[in-house]
Amino acid sequence: MKLQRFDEILYKELQDREFAIAYLEDALSESTEEFLIALRKYVQANQGMTKCAEAASINREALYRMLSEKGNPELDSLTAILTACGFKLRVA
């Protein structure tokens, strides 16, 4: 039996919306950096960076920078990315 790479398994799981929401919420509870990386993985697993950037009206290279460990997107940019992914930002 071949062992699958972790990212391949994760990307498959991230296509399930409920799993993805739990994954993103958990990452956000850890740190901003973890959340941005988790969001990047979600985007890559679903629509891809290019389509997300187009849907969010953001330059693709800027999207890569925003969704990195050192990323620091503005609230408007983060909201646009989340909207492009079908999510909403909320405070609870």
PDB file of N, CA and C in Angstrom:
ATOM      1  N   MET A   1       0.840  -1.178   0.000  1.00  0.00           N
ATOM      2  CA  MET A   1       0.000   0.000   0.000  1.00  0.00           C
ATOM      3  C   MET A   1       0.887   1.244   0.000  1.00  0.00           C
ATOM      4  N   LYS A   2       0.615   2.164  -0.900  1.00  0.00           N
ATOM      5  CA  LYS A   2       1.371   3.416  -0.954  1.00  0.00           C
ATOM      6  C   LYS A   2       0.893   4.353   0.142  1.00  0.00           C
ATOM      7  N   LEU A   3       1.845   5.022   0.762  1.00  0.00           N
ATOM      8  CA  LEU A   3       1.491   6.056   1.727  1.00  0.00           C
ATOM      9  C   LEU A   3       1.220   7.348   0.978  1.00  0.00           C
ATOM     10  N   GLN A   4       0.104   7.989   1.303  1.00  0.00           N
ATOM     11  CA  GLN A   4      -0.214   9.259   0.662  1.00  0.00           C
ATOM     12  C   GLN A   4       0.484  10.380   1.417  1.00  0.00           C
ATOM     13  N   ARG A   5       0.867  11.375   0.680  1.00  0.00           N
ATOM     14  CA  ARG A   5       1.443  12.559   1.315  1.00  0.00           C
ATOM     15  C   ARG A   5       0.378  13.230   2.168  1.00  0.00           C
ATOM     16  N   PHE A   6       0.810  13.817   3.278  1.00  0.00           N
ATOM     17  CA  PHE A   6      -0.112  14.468   4.205  1.00  0.00           C
ATOM     18  C   PHE A   6      -0.954  15.528   3.507  1.00  0.00           C
ATOM     19  N   ASP A   7      -0.326  16.379   2.707  1.00  0.00           N
ATOM     20  CA  ASP A   7      -1.072  17.450   2.032  1.00  0.00           C
ATOM     21  C   ASP A   7      -2.141  16.893   1.101  1.00  0.00           C
ATOM     22  N   GLU A   8      -1.877  15.777   0.440  1.00  0.00           N
ATOM     23  CA  GLU A   8      -2.878  15.185  -0.444  1.00  0.00           C
ATOM     24  C   GLU A   8      -4.116  14.770   0.350  1.00  0.00           C
ATOM     25  N   ILE A   9      -3.881  14.169   1.508  1.00  0.00           N
ATOM     26  CA  ILE A   9      -4.999  13.752   2.357  1.00  0.00           C
ATOM     27  C   ILE A   9      -5.726  14.977   2.898  1.00  0.00           C
ATOM     28  N   LEU A  10      -4.959  15.948   3.376  1.00  0.00           N
ATOM     29  CA  LEU A  10      -5.560  17.169   3.912  1.00  0.00           C
ATOM     30  C   LEU A  10      -6.379  17.881   2.848  1.00  0.00           C
ATOM     31  N   TYR A  11      -5.838  18.021   1.647  1.00  0.00           N
ATOM     32  CA  TYR A  11      -6.555  18.721   0.576  1.00  0.00           C
ATOM     33  C   TYR A  11      -7.857  18.015   0.239  1.00  0.00           C
ATOM     34  N   LYS A  12      -7.859  16.696   0.284  1.00  0.00           N
ATOM     35  CA  LYS A  12      -9.097  15.952   0.033  1.00  0.00           C
ATOM     36  C   LYS A  12     -10.111  16.241   1.140  1.00  0.00           C
ATOM     37  N   GLU A  13      -9.654  16.234   2.391  1.00  0.00           N
ATOM     38  CA  GLU A  13     -10.535  16.524   3.524  1.00  0.00           C
ATOM     39  C   GLU A  13     -11.067  17.956   3.475  1.00  0.00           C
ATOM     40  N   LEU A  14     -10.233  18.888   3.009  1.00  0.00           N
ATOM     41  CA  LEU A  14     -10.643  20.298   2.952  1.00  0.00           C
ATOM     42  C   LEU A  14     -11.720  20.561   1.912  1.00  0.00           C
ATOM     43  N   GLN A  15     -12.020  19.605   1.092  1.00  0.00           N
ATOM     44  CA  GLN A  15     -13.109  19.764   0.127  1.00  0.00           C
ATOM     45  C   GLN A  15     -14.467  19.552   0.793  1.00  0.00           C
ATOM     46  N   ASP A  16     -14.462  19.008   2.008  1.00  0.00           N
ATOM     47  CA  ASP A  16     -15.684  18.884   2.813  1.00  0.00           C
ATOM     48  C   ASP A  16     -15.857  20.173   3.607  1.00  0.00           C
ATOM     49  N   ARG A  17     -16.943  20.874   3.377  1.00  0.00           N
ATOM     50  CA  ARG A  17     -17.143  22.202   3.956  1.00  0.00           C
ATOM     51  C   ARG A  17     -17.107  22.187   5.488  1.00  0.00           C
ATOM     52  N   GLU A  18     -17.768  21.228   6.111  1.00  0.00           N
ATOM     53  CA  GLU A  18     -17.788  21.177   7.569  1.00  0.00           C
ATOM     54  C   GLU A  18     -16.386  20.949   8.135  1.00  0.00           C
ATOM     55  N   PHE A  19     -15.632  20.067   7.507  1.00  0.00           N
ATOM     56  CA  PHE A  19     -14.248  19.842   7.937  1.00  0.00           C
ATOM     57  C   PHE A  19     -13.439  21.123   7.763  1.00  0.00           C
ATOM     58  N   ALA A  20     -13.618  21.780   6.631  1.00  0.00           N
ATOM     59  CA  ALA A  20     -12.859  22.998   6.341  1.00  0.00           C
ATOM     60  C   ALA A  20     -13.146  24.088   7.372  1.00  0.00           C
ATOM     61  N   ILE A  21     -14.401  24.255   7.731  1.00  0.00           N
ATOM     62  CA  ILE A  21     -14.764  25.272   8.722  1.00  0.00           C
ATOM     63  C   ILE A  21     -14.106  24.958  10.060  1.00  0.00           C
ATOM     64  N   ALA A  22     -14.180  23.700  10.490  1.00  0.00           N
ATOM     65  CA  ALA A  22     -13.560  23.304  11.755  1.00  0.00           C
ATOM     66  C   ALA A  22     -12.044  23.502  11.695  1.00  0.00           C
ATOM     67  N   TYR A  23     -11.450  23.170  10.567  1.00  0.00           N
ATOM     68  CA  TYR A  23     -10.003  23.325  10.371  1.00  0.00           C
ATOM     69  C   TYR A  23      -9.602  24.796  10.464  1.00  0.00           C
ATOM     70  N   LEU A  24     -10.346  25.667   9.802  1.00  0.00           N
ATOM     71  CA  LEU A  24     -10.034  27.098   9.820  1.00  0.00           C
ATOM     72  C   LEU A  24     -10.264  27.700  11.209  1.00  0.00           C
ATOM     73  N   GLU A  25     -11.361  27.302  11.861  1.00  0.00           N
ATOM     74  CA  GLU A  25     -11.622  27.812  13.211  1.00  0.00           C
ATOM     75  C   GLU A  25     -10.527  27.385  14.188  1.00  0.00           C
ATOM     76  N   ASP A  26     -10.088  26.137  14.078  1.00  0.00           N
ATOM     77  CA  ASP A  26      -9.020  25.648  14.947  1.00  0.00           C
ATOM     78  C   ASP A  26      -7.723  26.421  14.690  1.00  0.00           C
ATOM     79  N   ALA A  27      -7.405  26.631  13.425  1.00  0.00           N
ATOM     80  CA  ALA A  27      -6.190  27.375  13.079  1.00  0.00           C
ATOM     81  C   ALA A  27      -6.261  28.799  13.614  1.00  0.00           C
ATOM     82  N   LEU A  28      -7.422  29.422  13.522  1.00  0.00           N
ATOM     83  CA  LEU A  28      -7.590  30.792  14.011  1.00  0.00           C
ATOM     84  C   LEU A  28      -7.421  30.846  15.528  1.00  0.00           C
ATOM     85  N   SER A  29      -7.843  29.795  16.218  1.00  0.00           N
ATOM     86  CA  SER A  29      -7.683  29.784  17.677  1.00  0.00           C
ATOM     87  C   SER A  29      -6.211  29.643  18.082  1.00  0.00           C
ATOM     88  N   GLU A  30      -5.390  29.129  17.179  1.00  0.00           N
ATOM     89  CA  GLU A  30      -3.957  28.978  17.459  1.00  0.00           C
ATOM     90  C   GLU A  30      -3.207  30.296  17.286  1.00  0.00           C
ATOM     91  N   SER A  31      -3.313  30.881  16.087  1.00  0.00           N
ATOM     92  CA  SER A  31      -2.619  32.140  15.809  1.00  0.00           C
ATOM     93  C   SER A  31      -3.042  32.666  14.444  1.00  0.00           C
ATOM     94  N   THR A  32      -2.759  33.918  14.218  1.00  0.00           N
ATOM     95  CA  THR A  32      -3.038  34.520  12.916  1.00  0.00           C
ATOM     96  C   THR A  32      -2.249  33.822  11.828  1.00  0.00           C
ATOM     97  N   GLU A  33      -0.996  33.524  12.115  1.00  0.00           N
ATOM     98  CA  GLU A  33      -0.140  32.861  11.130  1.00  0.00           C
ATOM     99  C   GLU A  33      -0.709  31.507  10.731  1.00  0.00           C
ATOM    100  N   GLU A  34      -1.151  30.728  11.727  1.00  0.00           N
ATOM    101  CA  GLU A  34      -1.738  29.412  11.448  1.00  0.00           C
ATOM    102  C   GLU A  34      -3.004  29.552  10.609  1.00  0.00           C
ATOM    103  N   PHE A  35      -3.811  30.560  10.918  1.00  0.00           N
ATOM    104  CA  PHE A  35      -5.043  30.775  10.163  1.00  0.00           C
ATOM    105  C   PHE A  35      -4.742  31.100   8.702  1.00  0.00           C
ATOM    106  N   LEU A  36      -3.786  31.981   8.460  1.00  0.00           N
ATOM    107  CA  LEU A  36      -3.464  32.353   7.080  1.00  0.00           C
ATOM    108  C   LEU A  36      -2.946  31.159   6.286  1.00  0.00           C
ATOM    109  N   ILE A  37      -2.136  30.326   6.917  1.00  0.00           N
ATOM    110  CA  ILE A  37      -1.630  29.130   6.244  1.00  0.00           C
ATOM    111  C   ILE A  37      -2.776  28.158   5.974  1.00  0.00           C
ATOM    112  N   ALA A  38      -3.666  27.994   6.948  1.00  0.00           N
ATOM    113  CA  ALA A  38      -4.813  27.101   6.773  1.00  0.00           C
ATOM    114  C   ALA A  38      -5.722  27.603   5.652  1.00  0.00           C
ATOM    115  N   LEU A  39      -5.933  28.903   5.593  1.00  0.00           N
ATOM    116  CA  LEU A  39      -6.759  29.468   4.523  1.00  0.00           C
ATOM    117  C   LEU A  39      -6.102  29.248   3.166  1.00  0.00           C
ATOM    118  N   ARG A  40      -4.785  29.405   3.104  1.00  0.00           N
ATOM    119  CA  ARG A  40      -4.067  29.135   1.854  1.00  0.00           C
ATOM    120  C   ARG A  40      -4.260  27.682   1.422  1.00  0.00           C
ATOM    121  N   LYS A  41      -4.146  26.762   2.366  1.00  0.00           N
ATOM    122  CA  LYS A  41      -4.336  25.347   2.041  1.00  0.00           C
ATOM    123  C   LYS A  41      -5.764  25.077   1.573  1.00  0.00           C
ATOM    124  N   TYR A  42      -6.729  25.747   2.202  1.00  0.00           N
ATOM    125  CA  TYR A  42      -8.119  25.588   1.768  1.00  0.00           C
ATOM    126  C   TYR A  42      -8.280  26.061   0.321  1.00  0.00           C
ATOM    127  N   VAL A  43      -7.748  27.235   0.027  1.00  0.00           N
ATOM    128  CA  VAL A  43      -7.855  27.790  -1.331  1.00  0.00           C
ATOM    129  C   VAL A  43      -7.194  26.847  -2.329  1.00  0.00           C
ATOM    130  N   GLN A  44      -6.010  26.360  -2.020  1.00  0.00           N
ATOM    131  CA  GLN A  44      -5.308  25.458  -2.927  1.00  0.00           C
ATOM    132  C   GLN A  44      -6.078  24.157  -3.128  1.00  0.00           C
ATOM    133  N   ALA A  45      -6.738  23.672  -2.093  1.00  0.00           N
ATOM    134  CA  ALA A  45      -7.466  22.413  -2.167  1.00  0.00           C
ATOM    135  C   ALA A  45      -8.771  22.534  -2.940  1.00  0.00           C
ATOM    136  N   ASN A  46      -9.297  23.731  -3.046  1.00  0.00           N
ATOM    137  CA  ASN A  46     -10.600  23.906  -3.665  1.00  0.00           C
ATOM    138  C   ASN A  46     -10.507  24.606  -5.016  1.00  0.00           C
ATOM    139  N   GLN A  47     -10.505  25.901  -5.041  1.00  0.00           N
ATOM    140  CA  GLN A  47     -10.549  26.600  -6.323  1.00  0.00           C
ATOM    141  C   GLN A  47      -9.183  26.944  -6.891  1.00  0.00           C
ATOM    142  N   GLY A  48      -8.163  26.931  -6.062  1.00  0.00           N
ATOM    143  CA  GLY A  48      -6.834  27.305  -6.517  1.00  0.00           C
ATOM    144  C   GLY A  48      -6.597  28.794  -6.330  1.00  0.00           C
ATOM    145  N   MET A  49      -5.332  29.158  -6.279  1.00  0.00           N
ATOM    146  CA  MET A  49      -4.948  30.537  -5.992  1.00  0.00           C
ATOM    147  C   MET A  49      -5.366  31.499  -7.101  1.00  0.00           C
ATOM    148  N   THR A  50      -5.215  31.086  -8.347  1.00  0.00           N
ATOM    149  CA  THR A  50      -5.533  31.976  -9.458  1.00  0.00           C
ATOM    150  C   THR A  50      -7.020  32.331  -9.472  1.00  0.00           C
ATOM    151  N   LYS A  51      -7.881  31.335  -9.359  1.00  0.00           N
ATOM    152  CA  LYS A  51      -9.329  31.597  -9.371  1.00  0.00           C
ATOM    153  C   LYS A  51      -9.759  32.402  -8.159  1.00  0.00           C
ATOM    154  N   CYS A  52      -9.173  32.104  -7.008  1.00  0.00           N
ATOM    155  CA  CYS A  52      -9.512  32.863  -5.806  1.00  0.00           C
ATOM    156  C   CYS A  52      -9.095  34.320  -5.962  1.00  0.00           C
ATOM    157  N   ALA A  53      -7.895  34.535  -6.463  1.00  0.00           N
ATOM    158  CA  ALA A  53      -7.413  35.906  -6.665  1.00  0.00           C
ATOM    159  C   ALA A  53      -8.338  36.670  -7.608  1.00  0.00           C
ATOM    160  N   GLU A  54      -8.759  36.019  -8.683  1.00  0.00           N
ATOM    161  CA  GLU A  54      -9.669  36.670  -9.627  1.00  0.00           C
ATOM    162  C   GLU A  54     -11.005  36.987  -8.961  1.00  0.00           C
ATOM    163  N   ALA A  55     -11.563  36.017  -8.218  1.00  0.00           N
ATOM    164  CA  ALA A  55     -12.852  36.221  -7.565  1.00  0.00           C
ATOM    165  C   ALA A  55     -12.789  37.304  -6.490  1.00  0.00           C
ATOM    166  N   ALA A  56     -11.630  37.431  -5.851  1.00  0.00           N
ATOM    167  CA  ALA A  56     -11.461  38.431  -4.792  1.00  0.00           C
ATOM    168  C   ALA A  56     -10.946  39.767  -5.324  1.00  0.00           C
ATOM    169  N   SER A  57     -10.688  39.825  -6.628  1.00  0.00           N
ATOM    170  CA  SER A  57     -10.131  41.031  -7.257  1.00  0.00           C
ATOM    171  C   SER A  57      -8.807  41.432  -6.610  1.00  0.00           C
ATOM    172  N   ILE A  58      -7.958  40.416  -6.421  1.00  0.00           N
ATOM    173  CA  ILE A  58      -6.640  40.615  -5.818  1.00  0.00           C
ATOM    174  C   ILE A  58      -5.598  40.030  -6.767  1.00  0.00           C
ATOM    175  N   ASN A  59      -4.470  40.670  -6.847  1.00  0.00           N
ATOM    176  CA  ASN A  59      -3.357  40.154  -7.637  1.00  0.00           C
ATOM    177  C   ASN A  59      -2.923  38.804  -7.067  1.00  0.00           C
ATOM    178  N   ARG A  60      -2.669  37.806  -7.935  1.00  0.00           N
ATOM    179  CA  ARG A  60      -2.313  36.462  -7.482  1.00  0.00           C
ATOM    180  C   ARG A  60      -1.068  36.460  -6.603  1.00  0.00           C
ATOM    181  N   GLU A  61      -0.050  37.204  -6.995  1.00  0.00           N
ATOM    182  CA  GLU A  61       1.175  37.253  -6.194  1.00  0.00           C
ATOM    183  C   GLU A  61       0.904  37.867  -4.825  1.00  0.00           C
ATOM    184  N   ALA A  62       0.044  38.879  -4.785  1.00  0.00           N
ATOM    185  CA  ALA A  62      -0.319  39.498  -3.511  1.00  0.00           C
ATOM    186  C   ALA A  62      -1.085  38.499  -2.636  1.00  0.00           C
ATOM    187  N   LEU A  63      -1.917  37.676  -3.261  1.00  0.00           N
ATOM    188  CA  LEU A  63      -2.654  36.659  -2.510  1.00  0.00           C
ATOM    189  C   LEU A  63      -1.686  35.669  -1.864  1.00  0.00           C
ATOM    190  N   TYR A  64      -0.684  35.231  -2.608  1.00  0.00           N
ATOM    191  CA  TYR A  64       0.329  34.339  -2.040  1.00  0.00           C
ATOM    192  C   TYR A  64       1.017  34.992  -0.844  1.00  0.00           C
ATOM    193  N   ARG A  65       1.356  36.271  -0.969  1.00  0.00           N
ATOM    194  CA  ARG A  65       2.020  36.969   0.142  1.00  0.00           C
ATOM    195  C   ARG A  65       1.089  37.093   1.344  1.00  0.00           C
ATOM    196  N   MET A  66      -0.176  37.435   1.089  1.00  0.00           N
ATOM    197  CA  MET A  66      -1.136  37.602   2.178  1.00  0.00           C
ATOM    198  C   MET A  66      -1.346  36.311   2.949  1.00  0.00           C
ATOM    199  N   LEU A  67      -1.385  35.187   2.226  1.00  0.00           N
ATOM    200  CA  LEU A  67      -1.667  33.901   2.857  1.00  0.00           C
ATOM    201  C   LEU A  67      -0.380  33.131   3.141  1.00  0.00           C
ATOM    202  N   SER A  68       0.573  33.829   3.688  1.00  0.00           N
ATOM    203  CA  SER A  68       1.832  33.208   4.101  1.00  0.00           C
ATOM    204  C   SER A  68       2.003  33.422   5.606  1.00  0.00           C
ATOM    205  N   GLU A  69       3.004  32.778   6.182  1.00  0.00           N
ATOM    206  CA  GLU A  69       3.260  32.925   7.616  1.00  0.00           C
ATOM    207  C   GLU A  69       3.487  34.376   8.005  1.00  0.00           C
ATOM    208  N   LYS A  70       4.077  35.133   7.115  1.00  0.00           N
ATOM    209  CA  LYS A  70       4.374  36.531   7.399  1.00  0.00           C
ATOM    210  C   LYS A  70       3.346  37.472   6.783  1.00  0.00           C
ATOM    211  N   GLY A  71       2.269  36.896   6.252  1.00  0.00           N
ATOM    212  CA  GLY A  71       1.231  37.701   5.633  1.00  0.00           C
ATOM    213  C   GLY A  71       0.543  38.600   6.650  1.00  0.00           C
ATOM    214  N   ASN A  72       0.070  39.722   6.165  1.00  0.00           N
ATOM    215  CA  ASN A  72      -0.628  40.670   7.024  1.00  0.00           C
ATOM    216  C   ASN A  72      -1.693  41.377   6.188  1.00  0.00           C
ATOM    217  N   PRO A  73      -2.705  40.620   5.741  1.00  0.00           N
ATOM    218  CA  PRO A  73      -3.703  41.238   4.870  1.00  0.00           C
ATOM    219  C   PRO A  73      -4.549  42.266   5.618  1.00  0.00           C
ATOM    220  N   GLU A  74      -4.958  43.279   4.904  1.00  0.00           N
ATOM    221  CA  GLU A  74      -5.899  44.243   5.471  1.00  0.00           C
ATOM    222  C   GLU A  74      -7.249  43.553   5.600  1.00  0.00           C
ATOM    223  N   LEU A  75      -8.102  44.080   6.457  1.00  0.00           N
ATOM    224  CA  LEU A  75      -9.410  43.473   6.690  1.00  0.00           C
ATOM    225  C   LEU A  75     -10.217  43.383   5.395  1.00  0.00           C
ATOM    226  N   ASP A  76     -10.165  44.418   4.562  1.00  0.00           N
ATOM    227  CA  ASP A  76     -10.892  44.391   3.291  1.00  0.00           C
ATOM    228  C   ASP A  76     -10.409  43.252   2.398  1.00  0.00           C
ATOM    229  N   SER A  77      -9.112  43.035   2.351  1.00  0.00           N
ATOM    230  CA  SER A  77      -8.550  41.957   1.533  1.00  0.00           C
ATOM    231  C   SER A  77      -8.942  40.598   2.092  1.00  0.00           C
ATOM    232  N   LEU A  78      -8.841  40.438   3.396  1.00  0.00           N
ATOM    233  CA  LEU A  78      -9.211  39.172   4.017  1.00  0.00           C
ATOM    234  C   LEU A  78     -10.692  38.870   3.791  1.00  0.00           C
ATOM    235  N   THR A  79     -11.532  39.881   3.929  1.00  0.00           N
ATOM    236  CA  THR A  79     -12.962  39.707   3.680  1.00  0.00           C
ATOM    237  C   THR A  79     -13.218  39.314   2.234  1.00  0.00           C
ATOM    238  N   ALA A  80     -12.510  39.916   1.299  1.00  0.00           N
ATOM    239  CA  ALA A  80     -12.664  39.572  -0.119  1.00  0.00           C
ATOM    240  C   ALA A  80     -12.256  38.124  -0.382  1.00  0.00           C
ATOM    241  N   ILE A  81     -11.170  37.687   0.242  1.00  0.00           N
ATOM    242  CA  ILE A  81     -10.707  36.304   0.075  1.00  0.00           C
ATOM    243  C   ILE A  81     -11.743  35.337   0.652  1.00  0.00           C
ATOM    244  N   LEU A  82     -12.204  35.610   1.865  1.00  0.00           N
ATOM    245  CA  LEU A  82     -13.196  34.743   2.489  1.00  0.00           C
ATOM    246  C   LEU A  82     -14.487  34.692   1.682  1.00  0.00           C
ATOM    247  N   THR A  83     -14.914  35.824   1.169  1.00  0.00           N
ATOM    248  CA  THR A  83     -16.115  35.866   0.331  1.00  0.00           C
ATOM    249  C   THR A  83     -15.921  35.050  -0.932  1.00  0.00           C
ATOM    250  N   ALA A  84     -14.752  35.152  -1.543  1.00  0.00           N
ATOM    251  CA  ALA A  84     -14.449  34.375  -2.748  1.00  0.00           C
ATOM    252  C   ALA A  84     -14.488  32.876  -2.460  1.00  0.00           C
ATOM    253  N   CYS A  85     -14.223  32.505  -1.212  1.00  0.00           N
ATOM    254  CA  CYS A  85     -14.250  31.090  -0.802  1.00  0.00           C
ATOM    255  C   CYS A  85     -15.631  30.664  -0.319  1.00  0.00           C
ATOM    256  N   GLY A  86     -16.564  31.614  -0.242  1.00  0.00           N
ATOM    257  CA  GLY A  86     -17.906  31.292   0.227  1.00  0.00           C
ATOM    258  C   GLY A  86     -18.057  31.358   1.725  1.00  0.00           C
ATOM    259  N   PHE A  87     -17.134  32.042   2.406  1.00  0.00           N
ATOM    260  CA  PHE A  87     -17.186  32.189   3.855  1.00  0.00           C
ATOM    261  C   PHE A  87     -17.520  33.625   4.223  1.00  0.00           C
ATOM    262  N   LYS A  88     -17.898  33.827   5.482  1.00  0.00           N
ATOM    263  CA  LYS A  88     -18.134  35.157   6.022  1.00  0.00           C
ATOM    264  C   LYS A  88     -17.332  35.304   7.304  1.00  0.00           C
ATOM    265  N   LEU A  89     -16.828  36.486   7.518  1.00  0.00           N
ATOM    266  CA  LEU A  89     -16.125  36.798   8.749  1.00  0.00           C
ATOM    267  C   LEU A  89     -17.166  37.263   9.765  1.00  0.00           C
ATOM    268  N   ARG A  90     -17.103  36.695  10.973  1.00  0.00           N
ATOM    269  CA  ARG A  90     -18.042  37.123  11.994  1.00  0.00           C
ATOM    270  C   ARG A  90     -17.369  37.135  13.346  1.00  0.00           C
ATOM    271  N   VAL A  91     -17.972  37.859  14.247  1.00  0.00           N
ATOM    272  CA  VAL A  91     -17.488  37.942  15.613  1.00  0.00           C
ATOM    273  C   VAL A  91     -18.536  37.268  16.487  1.00  0.00           C
ATOM    274  N   ALA A  92     -18.091  36.404  17.365  1.00  0.00           N
ATOM    275  CA  ALA A  92     -19.043  35.697  18.225  1.00  0.00           C
ATOM    276  C   ALA A  92     -18.674  35.898  19.682  1.00  0.00           C
TER     277      ALA A  92
END
